[in-house]
Amino acid sequence: MRGRFKSKYYDPQKLARIKNLQLLARTVVEGYISGLHRSPFKGFSSEFAEYREYLPGDDLKHFDWRVFARSDKRYVRQYEEETNLTCTLLLDASGSMAFGSDGLSKFEYGCYLAATLTYLMIQQRDQVGLVIFGQDVRQRIPARNSPAHMKFLLEQLEKASPEGETGIAASLHAIAETSTRRGLVILISDLIDDQDGVMNALNHFRHDRNEVIVFNTFDPAETDLPYDGLVELLDLETGRKMQVRADVIRRDYREKFQQFVRRYQSDCAASRVDYQLVTTDAPFELMLAAYLNQREKFK
């Protein structure tokens, strides 16, 4: 098993008992993340809307010299300012997200991550929405920006629980089809589903000109299979059980897991989707701060 991470706030046993997500999110943002960036998620600049005839006094930086050279007509470009980002958080609440080997499940980790992102973006005056899904969409809260809205979102995260089978691709398509405004889409999921189907759904968001970030979330026991001898594995979505000798299958299991990750890394890169592999033993505030710092550098 890999060494444990050290963090001021991170203790899986204690975090699993925390129910006030607003307090936790505020502490994380104010303690670790605020001040790193003025606006770490801003990805959309001013968008060209239309031309209009040049008038004396117009700023020449918007003058279209190419049109002038071709037609001898004087036009300036007008832009449509996008001053606020619209972010939709997509949280996988299928049964597989209930797994946790050290007091904190993947779903709980995802809730803490979603709560921190919500607090961060509301603080920078962006609009945030939330979709909780399993085999289908369970709850959809439109994006808004206000302290009351943030409180409501965090209350819904506290009430949610993982259960049932997975339907990632179908749920994502359903969400994309009913989205009316492009923005930032952040998916928190273990992505345990048909990979072709999941990528097709992520490309649906990209086709609609959304920016997409994926936090592919796993428990470290799922990445390493650290058990010895005969163990019983339980499918948290179907209830099926299987007995295996962990030491016999460990090498093949780890290779299959790495193939799974490499496939998502490669396909997401090709689709211009930000992919981040996350394990629940990584303090989410440090992981998120490092990710935002890297994102700022490559913007």
Protein backbone atom coordinates (compact mmCIF):
# COMPACT_ATOMS: atom_id res chain seq x y z
CA MET A 1 0.00 0.00 0.00
CA ARG A 2 1.29 3.46 -0.85
CA GLY A 3 2.31 5.86 1.92
CA ARG A 4 -0.34 8.04 3.48
CA PHE A 5 -0.59 11.70 2.51
CA LYS A 6 -0.25 14.35 5.19
CA SER A 7 -2.59 17.32 5.34
CA LYS A 8 -3.86 19.80 7.89
CA TYR A 9 -7.48 18.88 7.21
CA TYR A 10 -7.28 15.40 5.75
CA ASP A 11 -8.12 12.42 7.89
CA PRO A 12 -10.47 9.94 6.18
CA GLN A 13 -11.89 8.71 9.48
CA LYS A 14 -12.74 12.24 10.64
CA LEU A 15 -13.89 13.49 7.26
CA ALA A 16 -16.38 10.64 7.04
CA ARG A 17 -18.11 12.08 10.10
CA ILE A 18 -18.29 15.67 8.84
CA LYS A 19 -21.78 16.64 7.71
CA ASN A 20 -21.48 20.43 7.40
CA LEU A 21 -20.07 20.72 3.89
CA GLN A 22 -20.32 24.50 3.84
CA LEU A 23 -18.00 24.81 6.82
CA LEU A 24 -15.56 22.32 5.37
CA ALA A 25 -15.61 23.93 1.90
CA ARG A 26 -15.05 27.41 3.33
CA THR A 27 -12.14 26.19 5.44
CA VAL A 28 -10.49 24.45 2.48
CA VAL A 29 -10.96 27.34 0.07
CA GLU A 30 -9.82 30.02 2.50
CA GLY A 31 -6.96 27.90 3.79
CA TYR A 32 -5.52 26.45 0.62
CA ILE A 33 -7.03 27.61 -2.64
CA SER A 34 -8.11 31.24 -2.51
CA GLY A 35 -5.31 33.55 -3.56
CA LEU A 36 -3.81 30.99 -5.94
CA HIS A 37 -5.71 32.45 -8.85
CA ARG A 38 -7.94 35.38 -9.47
CA SER A 39 -10.23 33.18 -11.54
CA PRO A 40 -8.84 29.68 -12.08
CA PHE A 41 -11.73 28.32 -14.09
CA LYS A 42 -12.14 31.15 -16.58
CA GLY A 43 -11.84 29.50 -19.97
CA PHE A 44 -14.04 31.60 -22.20
CA SER A 45 -12.89 34.92 -23.58
CA SER A 46 -15.03 37.52 -25.32
CA GLU A 47 -16.81 35.96 -28.27
CA PHE A 48 -17.18 37.59 -31.69
CA ALA A 49 -20.83 38.41 -32.40
CA GLU A 50 -21.16 40.56 -35.57
CA TYR A 51 -19.82 43.42 -37.66
CA ARG A 52 -21.03 47.01 -37.73
CA GLU A 53 -19.94 50.01 -39.76
CA TYR A 54 -16.95 51.93 -38.42
CA LEU A 55 -17.75 55.25 -36.76
CA PRO A 56 -15.22 58.00 -35.96
CA GLY A 57 -13.88 57.45 -32.47
CA ASP A 58 -14.22 53.65 -32.50
CA ASP A 59 -11.29 51.74 -31.05
CA LEU A 60 -9.06 50.78 -34.00
CA LYS A 61 -8.03 47.51 -32.35
CA HIS A 62 -11.46 46.18 -33.39
CA PHE A 63 -11.16 47.52 -36.95
CA ASP A 64 -11.20 44.67 -39.48
CA TRP A 65 -8.35 45.45 -41.85
CA ARG A 66 -8.90 42.29 -43.88
CA VAL A 67 -12.44 43.31 -44.79
CA PHE A 68 -11.15 46.80 -45.59
CA ALA A 69 -8.42 45.40 -47.87
CA ARG A 70 -10.88 43.18 -49.75
CA SER A 71 -13.81 45.56 -50.11
CA ASP A 72 -12.66 49.04 -49.09
CA LYS A 73 -15.48 48.96 -46.53
CA ARG A 74 -14.88 50.05 -42.97
CA TYR A 75 -16.18 47.68 -40.31
CA VAL A 76 -15.42 46.94 -36.69
CA ARG A 77 -15.98 43.68 -34.86
CA GLN A 78 -18.49 43.63 -32.03
CA TYR A 79 -18.06 41.20 -29.19
CA GLU A 80 -20.37 39.51 -26.77
CA GLU A 81 -18.81 39.58 -23.32
CA GLU A 82 -19.04 36.47 -21.20
CA THR A 83 -18.27 37.90 -17.79
CA ASN A 84 -19.51 34.97 -15.73
CA LEU A 85 -18.81 31.31 -16.07
CA THR A 86 -21.63 28.78 -15.88
CA CYS A 87 -20.44 25.56 -14.28
CA THR A 88 -22.34 22.30 -13.94
CA LEU A 89 -21.06 19.71 -11.48
CA LEU A 90 -21.95 16.13 -12.42
CA LEU A 91 -21.68 13.71 -9.49
CA ASP A 92 -21.86 9.95 -10.00
CA ALA A 93 -24.05 8.41 -7.29
CA SER A 94 -24.13 4.84 -8.58
CA GLY A 95 -23.48 1.95 -6.19
CA SER A 96 -19.81 1.53 -7.10
CA MET A 97 -19.11 5.00 -5.68
CA ALA A 98 -20.00 3.68 -2.20
CA PHE A 99 -16.71 1.80 -1.93
CA GLY A 100 -14.24 3.01 0.67
CA SER A 101 -11.42 1.05 2.30
CA ASP A 102 -10.36 3.59 4.94
CA GLY A 103 -13.44 5.35 6.31
CA LEU A 104 -14.09 7.60 3.30
CA SER A 105 -15.99 6.38 0.24
CA LYS A 106 -15.45 7.57 -3.31
CA PHE A 107 -18.85 9.23 -3.13
CA GLU A 108 -18.04 11.11 0.08
CA TYR A 109 -14.76 12.24 -1.43
CA GLY A 110 -16.66 13.40 -4.51
CA CYS A 111 -19.09 15.35 -2.33
CA TYR A 112 -16.23 17.14 -0.55
CA LEU A 113 -14.64 17.94 -3.89
CA ALA A 114 -17.96 19.19 -5.33
CA ALA A 115 -18.61 21.29 -2.21
CA THR A 116 -15.18 22.91 -2.41
CA LEU A 117 -15.61 23.70 -6.11
CA THR A 118 -19.07 25.14 -5.44
CA TYR A 119 -17.78 27.43 -2.71
CA LEU A 120 -14.80 28.51 -4.80
CA MET A 121 -16.84 29.42 -7.87
CA ILE A 122 -19.66 31.13 -5.99
CA GLN A 123 -16.96 33.24 -4.31
CA GLN A 124 -15.72 34.35 -7.73
CA ARG A 125 -19.29 35.16 -8.82
CA ASP A 126 -19.73 32.27 -11.22
CA GLN A 127 -22.97 30.33 -11.58
CA VAL A 128 -22.97 26.74 -10.37
CA GLY A 129 -25.43 23.92 -10.98
CA LEU A 130 -25.48 20.33 -9.78
CA VAL A 131 -26.61 17.06 -11.33
CA ILE A 132 -26.63 13.85 -9.30
CA PHE A 133 -26.99 10.71 -11.40
CA GLY A 134 -26.78 6.94 -11.22
CA GLN A 135 -28.42 4.72 -13.81
CA ASP A 136 -30.32 7.85 -14.81
CA VAL A 137 -30.52 11.48 -13.72
CA ARG A 138 -31.81 11.68 -10.14
CA GLN A 139 -31.60 15.37 -9.37
CA ARG A 140 -30.82 18.41 -11.47
CA ILE A 141 -30.36 21.87 -9.96
CA PRO A 142 -29.95 24.73 -12.47
CA ALA A 143 -26.92 26.99 -12.24
CA ARG A 144 -27.32 30.15 -10.16
CA ASN A 145 -25.15 32.37 -8.01
CA SER A 146 -26.14 33.40 -4.52
CA PRO A 147 -25.32 32.41 -0.94
CA ALA A 148 -28.78 30.83 -0.63
CA HIS A 149 -28.19 28.79 -3.79
CA MET A 150 -24.83 27.57 -2.50
CA LYS A 151 -26.42 26.56 0.80
CA PHE A 152 -29.11 24.63 -1.08
CA LEU A 153 -26.56 22.82 -3.27
CA LEU A 154 -24.51 21.75 -0.28
CA GLU A 155 -27.62 20.56 1.54
CA GLN A 156 -28.48 18.36 -1.45
CA LEU A 157 -24.98 16.89 -1.45
CA GLU A 158 -25.35 16.05 2.24
CA LYS A 159 -28.65 14.27 1.58
CA ALA A 160 -27.49 12.26 -1.44
CA SER A 161 -26.27 8.66 -1.23
CA PRO A 162 -24.83 6.19 -3.76
CA GLU A 163 -26.96 3.28 -4.85
CA GLY A 164 -28.05 1.26 -7.86
CA GLU A 165 -26.40 0.39 -11.13
CA THR A 166 -24.33 2.60 -13.41
CA GLY A 167 -25.63 4.46 -16.45
CA ILE A 168 -22.92 7.05 -17.01
CA ALA A 169 -23.14 7.38 -20.79
CA ALA A 170 -26.94 7.53 -20.95
CA SER A 171 -27.12 10.04 -18.09
CA LEU A 172 -24.47 12.30 -19.62
CA HIS A 173 -26.25 12.30 -22.98
CA ALA A 174 -29.53 13.19 -21.26
CA ILE A 175 -27.85 16.07 -19.44
CA ALA A 176 -26.13 17.36 -22.58
CA GLU A 177 -29.33 17.24 -24.63
CA THR A 178 -31.17 19.47 -22.19
CA SER A 179 -28.33 21.95 -21.55
CA THR A 180 -29.13 25.34 -23.03
CA ARG A 181 -25.93 27.31 -22.44
CA ARG A 182 -22.33 26.36 -22.96
CA GLY A 183 -20.01 26.53 -19.99
CA LEU A 184 -17.79 24.39 -17.81
CA VAL A 185 -18.81 20.80 -17.08
CA ILE A 186 -17.03 18.99 -14.22
CA LEU A 187 -17.61 15.25 -13.92
CA ILE A 188 -16.75 13.40 -10.70
CA SER A 189 -17.00 9.65 -11.25
CA ASP A 190 -15.11 6.36 -11.22
CA LEU A 191 -16.10 6.05 -14.91
CA ILE A 192 -16.73 2.33 -14.49
CA ASP A 193 -18.84 1.83 -17.59
CA ASP A 194 -18.31 1.10 -21.27
CA GLN A 195 -15.43 3.40 -22.19
CA ASP A 196 -16.56 3.98 -25.77
CA GLY A 197 -19.98 5.02 -24.49
CA VAL A 198 -18.55 7.36 -21.84
CA MET A 199 -16.23 9.05 -24.33
CA ASN A 200 -19.07 9.47 -26.82
CA ALA A 201 -21.09 11.21 -24.10
CA LEU A 202 -18.18 13.47 -23.10
CA ASN A 203 -17.78 14.39 -26.77
CA HIS A 204 -21.46 15.36 -26.77
CA PHE A 205 -20.57 18.14 -24.31
CA ARG A 206 -17.52 19.09 -26.37
CA HIS A 207 -19.61 19.20 -29.55
CA ASP A 208 -21.85 21.73 -27.79
CA ARG A 209 -18.70 23.78 -27.09
CA ASN A 210 -18.49 23.11 -23.37
CA GLU A 211 -15.21 22.89 -21.54
CA VAL A 212 -15.02 19.54 -19.73
CA ILE A 213 -13.00 18.42 -16.71
CA VAL A 214 -13.09 14.84 -15.42
CA PHE A 215 -12.00 13.83 -11.93
CA ASN A 216 -11.75 10.04 -12.26
CA THR A 217 -12.05 8.98 -8.63
CA PHE A 218 -10.88 5.70 -7.09
CA ASP A 219 -10.08 4.19 -3.73
CA PRO A 220 -6.37 3.18 -3.53
CA ALA A 221 -7.44 -0.42 -2.86
CA GLU A 222 -9.04 -0.43 -6.32
CA THR A 223 -5.84 0.70 -8.00
CA ASP A 224 -3.47 -1.66 -6.15
CA LEU A 225 -5.50 -4.67 -4.94
CA PRO A 226 -3.40 -4.86 -1.74
CA TYR A 227 -5.13 -7.92 -0.25
CA ASP A 228 -3.56 -11.34 0.32
CA GLY A 229 -4.93 -14.84 0.03
CA LEU A 230 -8.55 -15.71 -0.67
CA VAL A 231 -10.85 -12.68 -0.67
CA GLU A 232 -14.51 -12.19 -1.49
CA LEU A 233 -15.33 -9.32 -3.84
CA LEU A 234 -18.79 -7.75 -3.73
CA ASP A 235 -20.32 -5.88 -6.67
CA LEU A 236 -21.92 -2.88 -4.94
CA GLU A 237 -24.30 -2.30 -7.85
CA THR A 238 -25.66 -5.81 -8.45
CA GLY A 239 -24.90 -7.58 -5.16
CA ARG A 240 -23.02 -10.36 -6.93
CA LYS A 241 -20.10 -11.94 -5.07
CA MET A 242 -16.90 -13.56 -6.29
CA GLN A 243 -14.08 -15.28 -4.45
CA VAL A 244 -10.57 -14.80 -5.82
CA ARG A 245 -6.97 -15.30 -4.71
CA ALA A 246 -5.75 -11.72 -4.66
CA ASP A 247 -2.05 -12.63 -4.80
CA VAL A 248 -2.64 -14.73 -7.93
CA ILE A 249 -4.58 -12.11 -9.91
CA ARG A 250 -2.87 -8.95 -8.58
CA ARG A 251 -0.42 -8.50 -11.45
CA ASP A 252 -3.05 -8.92 -14.16
CA TYR A 253 -5.50 -6.78 -12.22
CA ARG A 254 -3.06 -3.89 -11.93
CA GLU A 255 -2.22 -4.10 -15.63
CA LYS A 256 -5.92 -4.06 -16.55
CA PHE A 257 -6.45 -1.04 -14.32
CA GLN A 258 -3.55 0.80 -15.95
CA GLN A 259 -4.96 -0.01 -19.38
CA PHE A 260 -8.29 1.42 -18.22
CA VAL A 261 -6.63 4.66 -17.09
CA ARG A 262 -4.36 5.00 -20.13
CA ARG A 263 -7.36 4.60 -22.43
CA TYR A 264 -9.19 7.48 -20.73
CA GLN A 265 -6.05 9.61 -20.64
CA SER A 266 -5.48 9.11 -24.36
CA ASP A 267 -9.10 9.54 -25.46
CA CYS A 268 -9.66 12.59 -23.26
CA ALA A 269 -6.49 14.24 -24.57
CA ALA A 270 -7.67 13.63 -28.14
CA SER A 271 -11.05 15.18 -27.31
CA ARG A 272 -9.53 18.13 -25.42
CA VAL A 273 -11.08 17.01 -22.15
CA ASP A 274 -9.09 17.64 -18.96
CA TYR A 275 -8.60 14.26 -17.27
CA GLN A 276 -7.38 13.94 -13.69
CA LEU A 277 -6.96 10.58 -11.94
CA VAL A 278 -7.72 11.00 -8.24
CA THR A 279 -7.44 8.56 -5.34
CA THR A 280 -9.25 9.08 -2.08
CA ASP A 281 -6.04 8.95 -0.05
CA ALA A 282 -4.95 12.20 -1.75
CA PRO A 283 -6.05 15.24 0.30
CA PHE A 284 -8.61 16.79 -2.01
CA GLU A 285 -7.67 20.35 -1.05
CA LEU A 286 -4.02 19.74 -2.02
CA MET A 287 -4.99 17.83 -5.16
CA LEU A 288 -7.33 20.61 -6.24
CA ALA A 289 -4.81 23.36 -5.46
CA ALA A 290 -2.15 21.55 -7.52
CA TYR A 291 -4.59 21.01 -10.37
CA LEU A 292 -5.66 24.66 -10.44
CA ASN A 293 -2.04 25.78 -10.35
CA GLN A 294 -1.23 23.56 -13.32
CA ARG A 295 -4.37 24.72 -15.15
CA GLU A 296 -3.37 28.35 -14.66
CA LYS A 297 0.10 27.71 -16.10
CA PHE A 298 -1.21 26.13 -19.29
CA LYS A 299 -4.10 28.50 -19.98
